Amino acid sequence: MVLNERDYEEKRNYIRMTMNASATLSIKEGDAIEVTCIDLSATGMSIRANRAVKKGTSVHVNIQSPNEQFRSMDADAVVLRCEPHDNGDYELGLEIEVMK
């Protein structure tokens, strides 16, 4: 089954792995910004960024592995939400479309 076909509640029930990993978020139009991955699940991730990214934007996320024995994580995703925080940062909710 394609992940997009699953209902919202089923997708929310995936186990989330809490992280604090540096990552690069590349916006398909060309910009790249340094972000922090807050958590990761089978279908999505939450990241913290210093600027807003519009809902519906296609992005590419790269999390470099600190260990040569493990591959870096590359994923194509879509921004589902972008919420401002009091400190000026934004929390973005991403839906992973393709994991590479």
N, C-alpha and C. Protein backbone atom coordinates (compact mmCIF):
# COMPACT_ATOMS: atom_id res chain seq x y z
N MET A 1 0.84 -1.18 0.00
CA MET A 1 0.00 0.00 0.00
C MET A 1 0.88 1.24 0.00
N VAL A 2 0.52 2.22 -0.79
CA VAL A 2 1.23 3.49 -0.83
C VAL A 2 0.95 4.24 0.47
N LEU A 3 2.00 4.87 1.03
CA LEU A 3 1.83 5.56 2.31
C LEU A 3 0.79 6.64 2.27
N ASN A 4 0.65 7.34 1.14
CA ASN A 4 -0.33 8.42 1.03
C ASN A 4 -1.77 7.92 1.15
N GLU A 5 -2.00 6.62 0.89
CA GLU A 5 -3.35 6.08 0.93
C GLU A 5 -3.79 5.71 2.35
N ARG A 6 -2.86 5.68 3.28
CA ARG A 6 -3.22 5.34 4.65
C ARG A 6 -3.89 6.53 5.32
N ASP A 7 -4.82 6.26 6.22
CA ASP A 7 -5.50 7.37 6.86
C ASP A 7 -4.59 8.05 7.88
N TYR A 8 -4.97 9.28 8.25
CA TYR A 8 -4.15 10.12 9.11
C TYR A 8 -3.83 9.45 10.44
N GLU A 9 -4.81 8.87 11.09
CA GLU A 9 -4.59 8.24 12.40
C GLU A 9 -3.62 7.07 12.31
N GLU A 10 -3.72 6.28 11.25
CA GLU A 10 -2.81 5.15 11.10
C GLU A 10 -1.38 5.64 10.95
N LYS A 11 -1.17 6.70 10.16
CA LYS A 11 0.17 7.24 9.98
C LYS A 11 0.70 7.84 11.28
N ARG A 12 -0.15 8.45 12.09
CA ARG A 12 0.28 9.06 13.36
C ARG A 12 0.71 8.00 14.37
N ASN A 13 0.31 6.74 14.18
CA ASN A 13 0.64 5.69 15.13
C ASN A 13 2.01 5.08 14.91
N TYR A 14 2.73 5.47 13.85
CA TYR A 14 4.08 4.95 13.64
C TYR A 14 4.98 5.37 14.80
N ILE A 15 5.89 4.50 15.17
CA ILE A 15 6.85 4.82 16.21
C ILE A 15 7.74 5.94 15.72
N ARG A 16 7.97 6.93 16.58
CA ARG A 16 8.83 8.05 16.25
C ARG A 16 10.14 7.93 17.00
N MET A 17 11.23 8.14 16.29
CA MET A 17 12.54 8.11 16.90
C MET A 17 12.96 9.55 17.16
N THR A 18 13.16 9.89 18.43
CA THR A 18 13.60 11.23 18.79
C THR A 18 15.05 11.40 18.37
N MET A 19 15.33 12.54 17.76
CA MET A 19 16.68 12.82 17.26
C MET A 19 17.04 14.25 17.59
N ASN A 20 18.28 14.56 17.40
CA ASN A 20 18.77 15.93 17.44
C ASN A 20 19.93 15.97 16.45
N ALA A 21 19.61 15.71 15.18
CA ALA A 21 20.62 15.53 14.14
C ALA A 21 20.66 16.72 13.19
N SER A 22 21.85 17.19 12.90
CA SER A 22 22.02 18.24 11.90
C SER A 22 21.68 17.66 10.53
N ALA A 23 21.03 18.47 9.71
CA ALA A 23 20.62 18.03 8.39
C ALA A 23 20.64 19.21 7.43
N THR A 24 20.56 18.90 6.16
CA THR A 24 20.44 19.93 5.13
C THR A 24 19.10 19.74 4.43
N LEU A 25 18.34 20.81 4.36
CA LEU A 25 17.05 20.82 3.69
C LEU A 25 17.22 21.59 2.39
N SER A 26 17.05 20.90 1.27
CA SER A 26 17.17 21.55 -0.05
C SER A 26 15.78 21.72 -0.62
N ILE A 27 15.45 22.95 -0.92
CA ILE A 27 14.16 23.25 -1.52
C ILE A 27 14.31 23.09 -3.02
N LYS A 28 13.36 22.44 -3.65
CA LYS A 28 13.46 22.10 -5.07
C LYS A 28 13.76 23.30 -5.96
N GLU A 29 13.40 24.50 -5.51
CA GLU A 29 13.68 25.69 -6.31
C GLU A 29 15.14 26.12 -6.20
N GLY A 30 15.95 25.46 -5.33
CA GLY A 30 17.37 25.76 -5.31
C GLY A 30 17.99 26.12 -3.98
N ASP A 31 17.25 26.68 -3.03
CA ASP A 31 17.82 27.06 -1.74
C ASP A 31 18.16 25.83 -0.91
N ALA A 32 19.19 25.93 -0.09
CA ALA A 32 19.52 24.89 0.87
C ALA A 32 19.75 25.55 2.21
N ILE A 33 19.15 25.00 3.26
CA ILE A 33 19.32 25.57 4.60
C ILE A 33 19.70 24.47 5.57
N GLU A 34 20.47 24.85 6.58
CA GLU A 34 20.84 23.92 7.64
C GLU A 34 19.68 23.85 8.63
N VAL A 35 19.28 22.65 9.00
CA VAL A 35 18.16 22.42 9.90
C VAL A 35 18.55 21.37 10.94
N THR A 36 17.66 21.13 11.88
CA THR A 36 17.84 20.07 12.87
C THR A 36 16.66 19.13 12.78
N CYS A 37 16.93 17.83 12.60
CA CYS A 37 15.87 16.82 12.61
C CYS A 37 15.52 16.53 14.06
N ILE A 38 14.26 16.75 14.42
CA ILE A 38 13.79 16.55 15.79
C ILE A 38 13.33 15.12 16.00
N ASP A 39 12.55 14.60 15.05
CA ASP A 39 12.13 13.20 15.14
C ASP A 39 11.89 12.64 13.75
N LEU A 40 11.91 11.31 13.70
CA LEU A 40 11.81 10.60 12.43
C LEU A 40 10.91 9.40 12.63
N SER A 41 10.01 9.16 11.67
CA SER A 41 9.17 7.96 11.69
C SER A 41 9.25 7.31 10.31
N ALA A 42 8.51 6.26 10.13
CA ALA A 42 8.53 5.54 8.85
C ALA A 42 7.98 6.38 7.70
N THR A 43 7.13 7.36 8.01
CA THR A 43 6.49 8.12 6.93
C THR A 43 6.79 9.61 6.95
N GLY A 44 7.52 10.09 7.96
CA GLY A 44 7.75 11.53 8.01
C GLY A 44 8.79 11.92 9.03
N MET A 45 8.96 13.23 9.16
CA MET A 45 9.91 13.76 10.13
C MET A 45 9.51 15.17 10.52
N SER A 46 9.98 15.56 11.69
CA SER A 46 9.84 16.94 12.15
C SER A 46 11.22 17.55 12.15
N ILE A 47 11.30 18.77 11.64
CA ILE A 47 12.59 19.46 11.65
C ILE A 47 12.41 20.88 12.18
N ARG A 48 13.50 21.44 12.68
CA ARG A 48 13.52 22.81 13.16
C ARG A 48 14.37 23.61 12.18
N ALA A 49 13.84 24.73 11.71
CA ALA A 49 14.53 25.58 10.74
C ALA A 49 14.49 27.03 11.21
N ASN A 50 15.41 27.84 10.68
CA ASN A 50 15.43 29.25 11.08
C ASN A 50 14.60 30.13 10.15
N ARG A 51 13.89 29.50 9.22
CA ARG A 51 12.99 30.25 8.34
C ARG A 51 11.79 29.39 7.97
N ALA A 52 10.73 30.05 7.55
CA ALA A 52 9.51 29.35 7.17
C ALA A 52 9.67 28.74 5.78
N VAL A 53 9.01 27.61 5.58
CA VAL A 53 8.92 26.97 4.28
C VAL A 53 7.45 26.70 4.02
N LYS A 54 6.96 27.14 2.91
CA LYS A 54 5.54 27.08 2.58
C LYS A 54 5.02 25.64 2.52
N LYS A 55 3.83 25.44 3.09
CA LYS A 55 3.15 24.16 3.02
C LYS A 55 2.99 23.74 1.56
N GLY A 56 3.26 22.46 1.28
CA GLY A 56 3.15 21.95 -0.08
C GLY A 56 4.45 22.00 -0.86
N THR A 57 5.49 22.60 -0.28
CA THR A 57 6.78 22.70 -0.96
C THR A 57 7.47 21.34 -1.00
N SER A 58 8.00 20.97 -2.15
CA SER A 58 8.80 19.74 -2.28
C SER A 58 10.22 20.04 -1.83
N VAL A 59 10.76 19.14 -0.99
CA VAL A 59 12.10 19.34 -0.44
C VAL A 59 12.89 18.04 -0.50
N HIS A 60 14.20 18.16 -0.32
CA HIS A 60 15.08 17.01 -0.18
C HIS A 60 15.82 17.19 1.14
N VAL A 61 15.88 16.12 1.95
CA VAL A 61 16.56 16.17 3.24
C VAL A 61 17.72 15.20 3.23
N ASN A 62 18.87 15.69 3.71
CA ASN A 62 20.05 14.84 3.84
C ASN A 62 20.54 14.92 5.28
N ILE A 63 20.66 13.75 5.92
CA ILE A 63 21.26 13.66 7.25
C ILE A 63 22.52 12.82 7.09
N GLN A 64 23.66 13.45 7.26
CA GLN A 64 24.94 12.76 7.12
C GLN A 64 25.15 11.81 8.29
N SER A 65 25.63 10.62 7.99
CA SER A 65 25.95 9.65 9.03
C SER A 65 27.30 10.00 9.64
N PRO A 66 27.39 9.99 10.97
CA PRO A 66 28.68 10.27 11.61
C PRO A 66 29.61 9.05 11.57
N ASN A 67 29.10 7.92 11.09
CA ASN A 67 29.85 6.67 11.08
C ASN A 67 29.91 6.14 9.66
N GLU A 68 31.11 5.86 9.15
CA GLU A 68 31.25 5.39 7.77
C GLU A 68 30.59 4.04 7.52
N GLN A 69 30.29 3.29 8.58
CA GLN A 69 29.65 1.99 8.43
C GLN A 69 28.17 2.11 8.06
N PHE A 70 27.59 3.28 8.27
CA PHE A 70 26.18 3.49 8.00
C PHE A 70 25.99 4.55 6.94
N ARG A 71 25.05 4.31 6.04
CA ARG A 71 24.75 5.27 4.98
C ARG A 71 24.10 6.52 5.54
N SER A 72 24.32 7.62 4.84
CA SER A 72 23.59 8.85 5.16
C SER A 72 22.15 8.65 4.74
N MET A 73 21.26 9.44 5.31
CA MET A 73 19.85 9.34 4.95
C MET A 73 19.51 10.45 3.96
N ASP A 74 18.94 10.07 2.85
CA ASP A 74 18.44 11.02 1.85
C ASP A 74 16.97 10.73 1.63
N ALA A 75 16.17 11.78 1.62
CA ALA A 75 14.74 11.58 1.42
C ALA A 75 14.15 12.77 0.66
N ASP A 76 13.23 12.47 -0.24
CA ASP A 76 12.40 13.49 -0.87
C ASP A 76 11.12 13.56 -0.06
N ALA A 77 10.68 14.77 0.23
CA ALA A 77 9.52 14.94 1.11
C ALA A 77 8.71 16.17 0.69
N VAL A 78 7.56 16.31 1.33
CA VAL A 78 6.68 17.46 1.12
C VAL A 78 6.38 18.08 2.48
N VAL A 79 6.39 19.41 2.55
CA VAL A 79 6.08 20.11 3.78
C VAL A 79 4.57 20.05 4.02
N LEU A 80 4.18 19.47 5.17
CA LEU A 80 2.76 19.38 5.53
C LEU A 80 2.34 20.50 6.47
N ARG A 81 3.30 20.98 7.27
CA ARG A 81 2.98 22.08 8.20
C ARG A 81 4.24 22.86 8.49
N CYS A 82 4.06 24.11 8.87
CA CYS A 82 5.16 24.99 9.26
C CYS A 82 4.62 25.89 10.36
N GLU A 83 5.11 25.66 11.59
CA GLU A 83 4.60 26.39 12.75
C GLU A 83 5.69 27.25 13.37
N PRO A 84 5.43 28.54 13.57
CA PRO A 84 6.43 29.41 14.19
C PRO A 84 6.53 29.14 15.69
N HIS A 85 7.74 29.36 16.24
CA HIS A 85 7.96 29.25 17.68
C HIS A 85 8.37 30.61 18.21
N ASP A 86 8.23 30.81 19.52
CA ASP A 86 8.54 32.09 20.15
C ASP A 86 9.98 32.53 19.94
N ASN A 87 10.90 31.59 19.79
CA ASN A 87 12.32 31.94 19.64
C ASN A 87 12.69 32.33 18.21
N GLY A 88 11.73 32.37 17.31
CA GLY A 88 11.99 32.77 15.93
C GLY A 88 12.22 31.60 14.98
N ASP A 89 12.36 30.40 15.53
CA ASP A 89 12.50 29.21 14.69
C ASP A 89 11.14 28.73 14.21
N TYR A 90 11.16 27.76 13.29
CA TYR A 90 9.94 27.15 12.76
C TYR A 90 10.07 25.64 12.88
N GLU A 91 8.97 24.98 13.21
CA GLU A 91 8.94 23.52 13.20
C GLU A 91 8.16 23.08 11.98
N LEU A 92 8.81 22.28 11.14
CA LEU A 92 8.20 21.81 9.92
C LEU A 92 7.88 20.33 10.06
N GLY A 93 6.70 19.95 9.63
CA GLY A 93 6.30 18.56 9.55
C GLY A 93 6.41 18.13 8.09
N LEU A 94 7.20 17.10 7.83
CA LEU A 94 7.43 16.62 6.47
C LEU A 94 6.86 15.24 6.28
N GLU A 95 6.26 14.98 5.14
CA GLU A 95 5.84 13.64 4.75
C GLU A 95 6.87 13.11 3.76
N ILE A 96 7.49 11.99 4.11
CA ILE A 96 8.50 11.39 3.24
C ILE A 96 7.80 10.71 2.06
N GLU A 97 8.22 11.06 0.86
CA GLU A 97 7.68 10.44 -0.35
C GLU A 97 8.60 9.32 -0.84
N VAL A 98 9.92 9.56 -0.83
CA VAL A 98 10.90 8.58 -1.29
C VAL A 98 12.11 8.63 -0.38
N MET A 99 12.49 7.47 0.13
CA MET A 99 13.71 7.35 0.93
C MET A 99 14.77 6.76 0.03
N LYS A 100 15.94 7.39 -0.02
CA LYS A 100 17.01 6.93 -0.91
C LYS A 100 18.13 6.30 -0.14
